[in-house]
Amino acid sequence: MLAATPSKDLTMSSISDAELAELDARVIDMMRTGVRNEVEIIGAGEMACVIGLGDHALKRLPPVSERARLESYGALVDEYVAALEQVGVRVAETEWRIVSSETNQVAYIIQERVSAASLMPDVVRCGTETEAVALLEQVLDHVDACVLAGIGIDPQLSNWSIRDGRPLLLDITTPMLRDEKGRDRLDTELFVAMLPALIRGFVRRFMIGEILDKNFNRHGILLDLIGNIVNYGLGHLTPVFLPAINARLEQPLTMKEVRAYRRSEHWTWSAIRRAFRVEQFWKRRVLRQPTSHLLPSEYLRGD
């Protein structure tokens, strides 16, 4: 019997323990069959899906056997949110919960649900270039504050909702904090576990450190930001955004560098999505087993 247990004294969520446990049971069934079974998917990133439940948006981590790992992760999320807010970054109200069974533990990140129209790509798409640059400048201010404080941040446009004309950060699932010796405090294996088994070793050895490093470095952060706007149909704003971004950098980005980064990102994530599909087929059709987590390849179509 599944039982959902709050990890701390929570007041934001109106989701009961029973409702969360029932949702997790439906998610497990969906991972086994591929049928949504009344599970509402409201978004899909490269590695994870966002579940809708009432007024809330939820992200599910892969199951682990040790509850302490998820409690440490949740405590780091709380610390990360506090650190971001300390430097002026507004963060969507967030909590974490653990669903327990006899065999494993699963963590959910729960946030307030925002409208699709409030997401920064949609707001930018509907506004003028001047308004788009003004919003970008606010995000760049947050990047500067985080870099100065030694806090990692992923400021891609899809990670923000616009509320009262100001950005509100949604994606804090990867809490990027380091200790006094510069070592990442995040249990990266929780996220490596989201990847297909076929590529975990490669990502663990060659990619995960570079990915985290990028989000602490102003040049890497801003190259990733502008390099990915094409994913939201906003590639035409690259020459509009580039001067504002380059004003924050000692070594300006060039269009050649941005294009090369886009090609590299496209190749990398296309390969990862193909690996997701292979794993999905192998587990469901051959082994007759559920996938270990919600595969974005179910909801991302095409490369």
C-alpha atoms as a PDB file:
ATOM      1  CA  MET A   1       0.000   0.000   0.000  1.00  0.00           C
ATOM      2  CA  LEU A   2       1.418   3.375  -1.008  1.00  0.00           C
ATOM      3  CA  ALA A   3       1.563   6.100   1.588  1.00  0.00           C
ATOM      4  CA  ALA A   4       2.448   9.734   0.966  1.00  0.00           C
ATOM      5  CA  THR A   5       4.374  11.441   3.713  1.00  0.00           C
ATOM      6  CA  PRO A   6       5.105  15.168   3.917  1.00  0.00           C
ATOM      7  CA  SER A   7       8.825  15.800   4.277  1.00  0.00           C
ATOM      8  CA  LYS A   8       8.331  18.851   6.446  1.00  0.00           C
ATOM      9  CA  ASP A   9       5.592  21.119   7.788  1.00  0.00           C
ATOM     10  CA  LEU A  10       3.829  22.121   4.575  1.00  0.00           C
ATOM     11  CA  THR A  11       1.071  24.652   4.140  1.00  0.00           C
ATOM     12  CA  MET A  12       1.043  25.460   0.433  1.00  0.00           C
ATOM     13  CA  SER A  13      -0.324  22.265  -1.063  1.00  0.00           C
ATOM     14  CA  SER A  14      -3.964  21.302  -0.931  1.00  0.00           C
ATOM     15  CA  ILE A  15      -3.030  17.834  -2.191  1.00  0.00           C
ATOM     16  CA  SER A  16      -3.741  15.262   0.491  1.00  0.00           C
ATOM     17  CA  ASP A  17      -1.507  12.290   1.236  1.00  0.00           C
ATOM     18  CA  ALA A  18      -4.152   9.974  -0.217  1.00  0.00           C
ATOM     19  CA  GLU A  19      -4.464  12.022  -3.408  1.00  0.00           C
ATOM     20  CA  LEU A  20      -0.710  12.040  -3.962  1.00  0.00           C
ATOM     21  CA  ALA A  21      -0.459   8.290  -3.336  1.00  0.00           C
ATOM     22  CA  GLU A  22      -3.360   7.686  -5.737  1.00  0.00           C
ATOM     23  CA  LEU A  23      -1.682   9.865  -8.367  1.00  0.00           C
ATOM     24  CA  ASP A  24       1.569   7.945  -7.998  1.00  0.00           C
ATOM     25  CA  ALA A  25      -0.273   4.664  -8.473  1.00  0.00           C
ATOM     26  CA  ARG A  26      -1.766   6.007 -11.726  1.00  0.00           C
ATOM     27  CA  VAL A  27       1.662   7.197 -12.841  1.00  0.00           C
ATOM     28  CA  ILE A  28       3.153   3.751 -12.216  1.00  0.00           C
ATOM     29  CA  ASP A  29       0.355   2.184 -14.240  1.00  0.00           C
ATOM     30  CA  MET A  30       0.967   4.681 -17.044  1.00  0.00           C
ATOM     31  CA  MET A  31       4.686   3.852 -17.065  1.00  0.00           C
ATOM     32  CA  ARG A  32       3.774   0.175 -17.367  1.00  0.00           C
ATOM     33  CA  THR A  33       1.154   0.480 -20.101  1.00  0.00           C
ATOM     34  CA  GLY A  34       1.854   3.763 -21.880  1.00  0.00           C
ATOM     35  CA  VAL A  35      -1.807   4.742 -21.329  1.00  0.00           C
ATOM     36  CA  ARG A  36      -2.250   8.047 -19.528  1.00  0.00           C
ATOM     37  CA  ASN A  37      -5.100   6.732 -17.365  1.00  0.00           C
ATOM     38  CA  GLU A  38      -6.301  10.202 -16.325  1.00  0.00           C
ATOM     39  CA  VAL A  39      -2.770  11.442 -15.615  1.00  0.00           C
ATOM     40  CA  GLU A  40      -2.628  14.984 -16.949  1.00  0.00           C
ATOM     41  CA  ILE A  41       0.690  15.871 -18.600  1.00  0.00           C
ATOM     42  CA  ILE A  42       1.014  19.645 -18.871  1.00  0.00           C
ATOM     43  CA  GLY A  43       4.603  19.841 -20.040  1.00  0.00           C
ATOM     44  CA  ALA A  44       7.624  17.813 -21.073  1.00  0.00           C
ATOM     45  CA  GLY A  45      11.246  18.843 -20.930  1.00  0.00           C
ATOM     46  CA  GLU A  46      14.217  16.967 -22.293  1.00  0.00           C
ATOM     47  CA  MET A  47      14.338  14.545 -19.345  1.00  0.00           C
ATOM     48  CA  ALA A  48      11.117  14.813 -17.374  1.00  0.00           C
ATOM     49  CA  CYS A  49       7.393  15.441 -17.633  1.00  0.00           C
ATOM     50  CA  VAL A  50       5.291  17.891 -15.651  1.00  0.00           C
ATOM     51  CA  ILE A  51       2.059  16.490 -14.213  1.00  0.00           C
ATOM     52  CA  GLY A  52      -1.009  18.589 -13.593  1.00  0.00           C
ATOM     53  CA  LEU A  53      -3.177  17.950 -10.538  1.00  0.00           C
ATOM     54  CA  GLY A  54      -5.753  20.584  -9.715  1.00  0.00           C
ATOM     55  CA  ASP A  55      -4.020  23.897  -9.122  1.00  0.00           C
ATOM     56  CA  HIS A  56      -0.608  22.277  -8.915  1.00  0.00           C
ATOM     57  CA  ALA A  57       2.236  21.233 -11.209  1.00  0.00           C
ATOM     58  CA  LEU A  58       4.322  18.243 -10.138  1.00  0.00           C
ATOM     59  CA  LYS A  59       7.615  16.665 -11.173  1.00  0.00           C
ATOM     60  CA  ARG A  60       8.422  13.090 -10.185  1.00  0.00           C
ATOM     61  CA  LEU A  61      11.946  11.855  -9.498  1.00  0.00           C
ATOM     62  CA  PRO A  62      12.912   8.234 -10.226  1.00  0.00           C
ATOM     63  CA  PRO A  63      12.365   5.837  -7.295  1.00  0.00           C
ATOM     64  CA  VAL A  64      15.158   5.045  -4.841  1.00  0.00           C
ATOM     65  CA  SER A  65      15.392   2.579  -1.980  1.00  0.00           C
ATOM     66  CA  GLU A  66      16.906   4.974   0.582  1.00  0.00           C
ATOM     67  CA  ARG A  67      14.528   7.606   1.920  1.00  0.00           C
ATOM     68  CA  ALA A  68      17.459   9.562   3.363  1.00  0.00           C
ATOM     69  CA  ARG A  69      18.678  10.397  -0.144  1.00  0.00           C
ATOM     70  CA  LEU A  70      15.387  12.054  -1.009  1.00  0.00           C
ATOM     71  CA  GLU A  71      15.243  13.885   2.312  1.00  0.00           C
ATOM     72  CA  SER A  72      18.735  15.269   1.659  1.00  0.00           C
ATOM     73  CA  TYR A  73      17.675  16.255  -1.838  1.00  0.00           C
ATOM     74  CA  GLY A  74      14.541  17.989  -0.533  1.00  0.00           C
ATOM     75  CA  ALA A  75      16.525  19.888   2.086  1.00  0.00           C
ATOM     76  CA  LEU A  76      18.885  21.067  -0.666  1.00  0.00           C
ATOM     77  CA  VAL A  77      15.901  22.233  -2.737  1.00  0.00           C
ATOM     78  CA  ASP A  78      14.700  24.304   0.232  1.00  0.00           C
ATOM     79  CA  GLU A  79      18.177  25.770   0.676  1.00  0.00           C
ATOM     80  CA  TYR A  80      18.470  26.513  -3.038  1.00  0.00           C
ATOM     81  CA  VAL A  81      15.135  28.344  -3.138  1.00  0.00           C
ATOM     82  CA  ALA A  82      16.155  30.395  -0.108  1.00  0.00           C
ATOM     83  CA  ALA A  83      19.517  31.233  -1.714  1.00  0.00           C
ATOM     84  CA  LEU A  84      17.842  32.336  -4.947  1.00  0.00           C
ATOM     85  CA  GLU A  85      15.359  34.517  -3.099  1.00  0.00           C
ATOM     86  CA  GLN A  86      18.176  35.994  -1.022  1.00  0.00           C
ATOM     87  CA  VAL A  87      19.744  37.415  -4.208  1.00  0.00           C
ATOM     88  CA  GLY A  88      16.410  38.715  -5.527  1.00  0.00           C
ATOM     89  CA  VAL A  89      15.193  35.855  -7.748  1.00  0.00           C
ATOM     90  CA  ARG A  90      11.476  35.290  -7.347  1.00  0.00           C
ATOM     91  CA  VAL A  91      10.670  31.579  -7.187  1.00  0.00           C
ATOM     92  CA  ALA A  92       7.305  29.894  -7.590  1.00  0.00           C
ATOM     93  CA  GLU A  93       5.985  28.603  -4.287  1.00  0.00           C
ATOM     94  CA  THR A  94       7.478  25.136  -3.952  1.00  0.00           C
ATOM     95  CA  GLU A  95       7.296  22.111  -1.691  1.00  0.00           C
ATOM     96  CA  TRP A  96       8.532  18.532  -1.838  1.00  0.00           C
ATOM     97  CA  ARG A  97       6.832  15.352  -0.734  1.00  0.00           C
ATOM     98  CA  ILE A  98       7.814  11.708  -0.538  1.00  0.00           C
ATOM     99  CA  VAL A  99       5.579   8.799  -1.498  1.00  0.00           C
ATOM    100  CA  SER A 100       6.626   5.566   0.210  1.00  0.00           C
ATOM    101  CA  SER A 101       5.926   1.945  -0.605  1.00  0.00           C
ATOM    102  CA  GLU A 102       7.345  -1.305   0.728  1.00  0.00           C
ATOM    103  CA  THR A 103      10.034  -1.368  -1.959  1.00  0.00           C
ATOM    104  CA  ASN A 104      10.970   2.226  -2.789  1.00  0.00           C
ATOM    105  CA  GLN A 105      10.624   5.943  -2.174  1.00  0.00           C
ATOM    106  CA  VAL A 106       9.644   8.568  -4.741  1.00  0.00           C
ATOM    107  CA  ALA A 107       9.966  12.343  -4.401  1.00  0.00           C
ATOM    108  CA  TYR A 108       7.609  14.859  -5.954  1.00  0.00           C
ATOM    109  CA  ILE A 109       8.347  18.549  -6.428  1.00  0.00           C
ATOM    110  CA  ILE A 110       5.031  20.415  -6.159  1.00  0.00           C
ATOM    111  CA  GLN A 111       4.481  23.993  -7.308  1.00  0.00           C
ATOM    112  CA  GLU A 112       1.610  26.290  -8.017  1.00  0.00           C
ATOM    113  CA  ARG A 113       0.290  25.805 -11.524  1.00  0.00           C
ATOM    114  CA  VAL A 114       0.737  28.726 -13.909  1.00  0.00           C
ATOM    115  CA  SER A 115      -1.061  29.401 -17.170  1.00  0.00           C
ATOM    116  CA  ALA A 116       0.662  28.539 -20.431  1.00  0.00           C
ATOM    117  CA  ALA A 117       0.084  32.112 -21.573  1.00  0.00           C
ATOM    118  CA  SER A 118       2.206  33.410 -18.686  1.00  0.00           C
ATOM    119  CA  LEU A 119       5.290  31.398 -19.683  1.00  0.00           C
ATOM    120  CA  MET A 120       8.052  33.673 -20.893  1.00  0.00           C
ATOM    121  CA  PRO A 121       8.292  32.265 -24.455  1.00  0.00           C
ATOM    122  CA  ASP A 122       4.587  32.954 -25.004  1.00  0.00           C
ATOM    123  CA  VAL A 123       4.786  36.409 -23.434  1.00  0.00           C
ATOM    124  CA  VAL A 124       7.790  37.297 -25.583  1.00  0.00           C
ATOM    125  CA  ARG A 125       6.089  35.910 -28.693  1.00  0.00           C
ATOM    126  CA  CYS A 126       3.053  38.117 -28.136  1.00  0.00           C
ATOM    127  CA  GLY A 127       4.956  41.307 -27.289  1.00  0.00           C
ATOM    128  CA  THR A 128       7.187  43.771 -29.056  1.00  0.00           C
ATOM    129  CA  GLU A 129      10.938  43.423 -29.419  1.00  0.00           C
ATOM    130  CA  THR A 130      11.400  46.264 -26.938  1.00  0.00           C
ATOM    131  CA  GLU A 131       9.245  44.469 -24.370  1.00  0.00           C
ATOM    132  CA  ALA A 132      11.098  41.211 -25.019  1.00  0.00           C
ATOM    133  CA  VAL A 133      14.480  42.821 -24.381  1.00  0.00           C
ATOM    134  CA  ALA A 134      13.160  44.468 -21.210  1.00  0.00           C
ATOM    135  CA  LEU A 135      12.124  41.060 -19.840  1.00  0.00           C
ATOM    136  CA  LEU A 136      15.441  39.569 -20.920  1.00  0.00           C
ATOM    137  CA  GLU A 137      17.310  42.283 -19.036  1.00  0.00           C
ATOM    138  CA  GLN A 138      15.505  41.281 -15.841  1.00  0.00           C
ATOM    139  CA  VAL A 139      16.577  37.668 -16.361  1.00  0.00           C
ATOM    140  CA  LEU A 140      20.139  38.806 -17.045  1.00  0.00           C
ATOM    141  CA  ASP A 141      20.099  40.766 -13.770  1.00  0.00           C
ATOM    142  CA  HIS A 142      19.178  37.530 -11.983  1.00  0.00           C
ATOM    143  CA  VAL A 143      21.984  35.673 -13.753  1.00  0.00           C
ATOM    144  CA  ASP A 144      24.478  38.338 -12.651  1.00  0.00           C
ATOM    145  CA  ALA A 145      23.270  38.106  -9.049  1.00  0.00           C
ATOM    146  CA  CYS A 146      23.530  34.309  -9.012  1.00  0.00           C
ATOM    147  CA  VAL A 147      26.994  34.214 -10.584  1.00  0.00           C
ATOM    148  CA  LEU A 148      28.242  36.811  -8.097  1.00  0.00           C
ATOM    149  CA  ALA A 149      26.855  34.730  -5.211  1.00  0.00           C
ATOM    150  CA  GLY A 150      28.206  31.441  -6.543  1.00  0.00           C
ATOM    151  CA  ILE A 151      24.727  30.003  -7.166  1.00  0.00           C
ATOM    152  CA  GLY A 152      24.016  27.920 -10.261  1.00  0.00           C
ATOM    153  CA  ILE A 153      21.005  28.802 -12.403  1.00  0.00           C
ATOM    154  CA  ASP A 154      19.385  27.603 -15.629  1.00  0.00           C
ATOM    155  CA  PRO A 155      17.571  30.688 -16.960  1.00  0.00           C
ATOM    156  CA  GLN A 156      16.158  29.264 -20.195  1.00  0.00           C
ATOM    157  CA  LEU A 157      13.049  31.200 -21.211  1.00  0.00           C
ATOM    158  CA  SER A 158      10.744  28.228 -20.575  1.00  0.00           C
ATOM    159  CA  ASN A 159      11.844  28.181 -16.933  1.00  0.00           C
ATOM    160  CA  TRP A 160      10.126  31.510 -16.208  1.00  0.00           C
ATOM    161  CA  SER A 161       6.548  32.674 -15.796  1.00  0.00           C
ATOM    162  CA  ILE A 162       5.838  36.383 -16.086  1.00  0.00           C
ATOM    163  CA  ARG A 163       3.806  37.751 -13.193  1.00  0.00           C
ATOM    164  CA  ASP A 164       3.096  41.458 -12.728  1.00  0.00           C
ATOM    165  CA  GLY A 165       5.653  42.180 -15.419  1.00  0.00           C
ATOM    166  CA  ARG A 166       8.428  40.355 -13.570  1.00  0.00           C
ATOM    167  CA  PRO A 167       9.991  36.904 -14.076  1.00  0.00           C
ATOM    168  CA  LEU A 168       9.071  34.104 -11.675  1.00  0.00           C
ATOM    169  CA  LEU A 169      11.432  31.107 -11.717  1.00  0.00           C
ATOM    170  CA  LEU A 170       9.715  27.737 -12.073  1.00  0.00           C
ATOM    171  CA  ASP A 171      12.489  25.183 -12.542  1.00  0.00           C
ATOM    172  CA  ILE A 172      14.358  24.575  -9.287  1.00  0.00           C
ATOM    173  CA  THR A 173      14.337  20.784  -9.633  1.00  0.00           C
ATOM    174  CA  THR A 174      18.127  20.760 -10.005  1.00  0.00           C
ATOM    175  CA  PRO A 175      19.347  22.629  -6.902  1.00  0.00           C
ATOM    176  CA  MET A 176      22.765  23.946  -7.908  1.00  0.00           C
ATOM    177  CA  LEU A 177      24.748  24.805  -4.796  1.00  0.00           C
ATOM    178  CA  ARG A 178      28.402  24.103  -4.028  1.00  0.00           C
ATOM    179  CA  ASP A 179      30.368  23.732  -0.823  1.00  0.00           C
ATOM    180  CA  GLU A 180      33.262  25.925   0.294  1.00  0.00           C
ATOM    181  CA  LYS A 181      35.673  23.811  -1.789  1.00  0.00           C
ATOM    182  CA  GLY A 182      33.610  24.252  -4.947  1.00  0.00           C
ATOM    183  CA  ARG A 183      32.197  20.726  -4.964  1.00  0.00           C
ATOM    184  CA  ASP A 184      28.642  20.157  -6.173  1.00  0.00           C
ATOM    185  CA  ARG A 185      26.326  19.261  -3.292  1.00  0.00           C
ATOM    186  CA  LEU A 186      23.676  17.744  -5.543  1.00  0.00           C
ATOM    187  CA  ASP A 187      23.264  13.971  -5.610  1.00  0.00           C
ATOM    188  CA  THR A 188      23.668  13.788  -9.373  1.00  0.00           C
ATOM    189  CA  GLU A 189      22.821  10.085  -9.464  1.00  0.00           C
ATOM    190  CA  LEU A 190      19.186  11.006  -8.844  1.00  0.00           C
ATOM    191  CA  PHE A 191      19.216  12.677 -12.259  1.00  0.00           C
ATOM    192  CA  VAL A 192      21.506  10.258 -14.059  1.00  0.00           C
ATOM    193  CA  ALA A 193      18.895   7.641 -13.098  1.00  0.00           C
ATOM    194  CA  MET A 194      16.386   9.487 -15.288  1.00  0.00           C
ATOM    195  CA  LEU A 195      18.446   8.648 -18.365  1.00  0.00           C
ATOM    196  CA  PRO A 196      18.263   5.420 -20.381  1.00  0.00           C
ATOM    197  CA  ALA A 197      20.647   2.784 -19.034  1.00  0.00           C
ATOM    198  CA  LEU A 198      22.356   2.709 -22.433  1.00  0.00           C
ATOM    199  CA  ILE A 199      23.890   6.168 -21.969  1.00  0.00           C
ATOM    200  CA  ARG A 200      24.126   6.618 -18.194  1.00  0.00           C
ATOM    201  CA  GLY A 201      27.784   5.659 -17.977  1.00  0.00           C
ATOM    202  CA  PHE A 202      28.759   8.089 -20.740  1.00  0.00           C
ATOM    203  CA  VAL A 203      26.771  10.949 -19.209  1.00  0.00           C
ATOM    204  CA  ARG A 204      28.113  10.199 -15.731  1.00  0.00           C
ATOM    205  CA  ARG A 205      31.715  10.225 -16.927  1.00  0.00           C
ATOM    206  CA  PHE A 206      31.782  12.895 -19.615  1.00  0.00           C
ATOM    207  CA  MET A 207      28.721  15.163 -19.374  1.00  0.00           C
ATOM    208  CA  ILE A 208      27.253  15.717 -15.915  1.00  0.00           C
ATOM    209  CA  GLY A 209      30.174  17.754 -14.567  1.00  0.00           C
ATOM    210  CA  GLU A 210      30.267  19.928 -17.673  1.00  0.00           C
ATOM    211  CA  ILE A 211      26.508  20.514 -17.524  1.00  0.00           C
ATOM    212  CA  LEU A 212      26.671  21.687 -13.921  1.00  0.00           C
ATOM    213  CA  ASP A 213      29.780  23.811 -14.513  1.00  0.00           C
ATOM    214  CA  LYS A 214      28.006  25.594 -17.350  1.00  0.00           C
ATOM    215  CA  ASN A 215      25.271  26.787 -15.000  1.00  0.00           C
ATOM    216  CA  PHE A 216      27.733  28.499 -12.657  1.00  0.00           C
ATOM    217  CA  ASN A 217      29.605  30.315 -15.416  1.00  0.00           C
ATOM    218  CA  ARG A 218      28.170  33.501 -16.918  1.00  0.00           C
ATOM    219  CA  HIS A 219      29.442  32.748 -20.422  1.00  0.00           C
ATOM    220  CA  GLY A 220      28.047  29.203 -20.342  1.00  0.00           C
ATOM    221  CA  ILE A 221      24.726  30.301 -18.848  1.00  0.00           C
ATOM    222  CA  LEU A 222      24.123  33.003 -21.447  1.00  0.00           C
ATOM    223  CA  LEU A 223      25.283  30.899 -24.388  1.00  0.00           C
ATOM    224  CA  ASP A 224      22.792  28.227 -23.335  1.00  0.00           C
ATOM    225  CA  LEU A 225      20.052  30.823 -22.891  1.00  0.00           C
ATOM    226  CA  ILE A 226      20.372  32.376 -26.342  1.00  0.00           C
ATOM    227  CA  GLY A 227      21.290  29.090 -27.984  1.00  0.00           C
ATOM    228  CA  ASN A 228      17.989  27.534 -26.935  1.00  0.00           C
ATOM    229  CA  ILE A 229      15.532  30.293 -27.860  1.00  0.00           C
ATOM    230  CA  VAL A 230      15.173  28.628 -31.245  1.00  0.00           C
ATOM    231  CA  ASN A 231      13.401  25.760 -29.429  1.00  0.00           C
ATOM    232  CA  TYR A 232      10.497  28.113 -28.684  1.00  0.00           C
ATOM    233  CA  GLY A 233      10.206  29.460 -32.224  1.00  0.00           C
ATOM    234  CA  LEU A 234      12.080  32.614 -31.223  1.00  0.00           C
ATOM    235  CA  GLY A 235      15.256  32.150 -33.230  1.00  0.00           C
ATOM    236  CA  HIS A 236      14.530  35.391 -35.091  1.00  0.00           C
ATOM    237  CA  LEU A 237      15.195  37.262 -31.835  1.00  0.00           C
ATOM    238  CA  THR A 238      18.806  36.074 -31.653  1.00  0.00           C
ATOM    239  CA  PRO A 239      20.242  39.273 -33.202  1.00  0.00           C
ATOM    240  CA  VAL A 240      17.888  41.298 -30.990  1.00  0.00           C
ATOM    241  CA  PHE A 241      18.943  39.572 -27.752  1.00  0.00           C
ATOM    242  CA  LEU A 242      22.631  39.218 -28.548  1.00  0.00           C
ATOM    243  CA  PRO A 243      23.646  42.866 -27.840  1.00  0.00           C
ATOM    244  CA  ALA A 244      21.965  42.763 -24.417  1.00  0.00           C
ATOM    245  CA  ILE A 245      23.673  39.473 -23.585  1.00  0.00           C
ATOM    246  CA  ASN A 246      27.070  40.585 -24.865  1.00  0.00           C
ATOM    247  CA  ALA A 247      26.873  43.701 -22.702  1.00  0.00           C
ATOM    248  CA  ARG A 248      27.137  41.334 -19.709  1.00  0.00           C
ATOM    249  CA  LEU A 249      30.162  39.410 -21.023  1.00  0.00           C
ATOM    250  CA  GLU A 250      33.849  40.227 -21.125  1.00  0.00           C
ATOM    251  CA  GLN A 251      34.199  38.113 -24.274  1.00  0.00           C
ATOM    252  CA  PRO A 252      31.143  38.679 -26.500  1.00  0.00           C
ATOM    253  CA  LEU A 253      29.333  35.798 -28.150  1.00  0.00           C
ATOM    254  CA  THR A 254      29.314  35.636 -31.932  1.00  0.00           C
ATOM    255  CA  MET A 255      26.562  34.349 -34.189  1.00  0.00           C
ATOM    256  CA  LYS A 256      28.981  31.631 -35.331  1.00  0.00           C
ATOM    257  CA  GLU A 257      29.416  30.476 -31.721  1.00  0.00           C
ATOM    258  CA  VAL A 258      25.660  30.498 -31.113  1.00  0.00           C
ATOM    259  CA  ARG A 259      24.977  28.467 -34.274  1.00  0.00           C
ATOM    260  CA  ALA A 260      27.670  25.932 -33.365  1.00  0.00           C
ATOM    261  CA  TYR A 261      26.192  25.559 -29.883  1.00  0.00           C
ATOM    262  CA  ARG A 262      22.732  25.003 -31.336  1.00  0.00           C
ATOM    263  CA  ARG A 263      24.043  22.256 -33.615  1.00  0.00           C
ATOM    264  CA  SER A 264      25.801  20.572 -30.705  1.00  0.00           C
ATOM    265  CA  GLU A 265      22.703  20.744 -28.497  1.00  0.00           C
ATOM    266  CA  HIS A 266      20.489  19.429 -31.289  1.00  0.00           C
ATOM    267  CA  TRP A 267      22.766  16.442 -31.885  1.00  0.00           C
ATOM    268  CA  THR A 268      23.109  15.661 -28.169  1.00  0.00           C
ATOM    269  CA  TRP A 269      19.420  15.771 -27.286  1.00  0.00           C
ATOM    270  CA  SER A 270      18.367  14.014 -30.487  1.00  0.00           C
ATOM    271  CA  ALA A 271      20.655  11.123 -29.511  1.00  0.00           C
ATOM    272  CA  ILE A 272      19.291  11.088 -25.962  1.00  0.00           C
ATOM    273  CA  ARG A 273      15.685  11.074 -27.193  1.00  0.00           C
ATOM    274  CA  ARG A 274      16.437   8.131 -29.454  1.00  0.00           C
ATOM    275  CA  ALA A 275      17.938   6.310 -26.474  1.00  0.00           C
ATOM    276  CA  PHE A 276      14.752   7.048 -24.507  1.00  0.00           C
ATOM    277  CA  ARG A 277      12.660   5.483 -27.264  1.00  0.00           C
ATOM    278  CA  VAL A 278      14.835   2.384 -27.413  1.00  0.00           C
ATOM    279  CA  GLU A 279      14.545   1.936 -23.639  1.00  0.00           C
ATOM    280  CA  GLN A 280      10.809   2.474 -23.771  1.00  0.00           C
ATOM    281  CA  PHE A 281      10.377  -0.219 -26.442  1.00  0.00           C
ATOM    282  CA  TRP A 282      12.710  -2.676 -24.690  1.00  0.00           C
ATOM    283  CA  LYS A 283      11.097  -2.380 -21.267  1.00  0.00           C
ATOM    284  CA  ARG A 284       7.464  -2.362 -22.339  1.00  0.00           C
ATOM    285  CA  ARG A 285       7.432  -4.648 -25.353  1.00  0.00           C
ATOM    286  CA  VAL A 286      10.245  -7.089 -24.554  1.00  0.00           C
ATOM    287  CA  LEU A 287      10.612  -7.200 -20.757  1.00  0.00           C
ATOM    288  CA  ARG A 288       6.967  -6.300 -20.079  1.00  0.00           C
ATOM    289  CA  GLN A 289       8.136  -3.954 -17.334  1.00  0.00           C
ATOM    290  CA  PRO A 290       7.262  -0.342 -16.529  1.00  0.00           C
ATOM    291  CA  THR A 291       9.775   2.362 -17.315  1.00  0.00           C
ATOM    292  CA  SER A 292      11.503   3.763 -14.235  1.00  0.00           C
ATOM    293  CA  HIS A 293      10.088   7.251 -14.673  1.00  0.00           C
ATOM    294  CA  LEU A 294       7.933   9.350 -16.981  1.00  0.00           C
ATOM    295  CA  LEU A 295       9.734   9.339 -20.309  1.00  0.00           C
ATOM    296  CA  PRO A 296       9.551  12.644 -22.157  1.00  0.00           C
ATOM    297  CA  SER A 297       9.865  10.684 -25.399  1.00  0.00           C
ATOM    298  CA  GLU A 298       6.199   9.803 -24.870  1.00  0.00           C
ATOM    299  CA  TYR A 299       5.259  13.446 -25.339  1.00  0.00           C
ATOM    300  CA  LEU A 300       8.113  14.919 -27.386  1.00  0.00           C
ATOM    301  CA  ARG A 301       7.626  14.130 -31.026  1.00  0.00           C
ATOM    302  CA  GLY A 302      10.379  14.457 -33.591  1.00  0.00           C
ATOM    303  CA  ASP A 303      13.991  15.546 -33.313  1.00  0.00           C
END
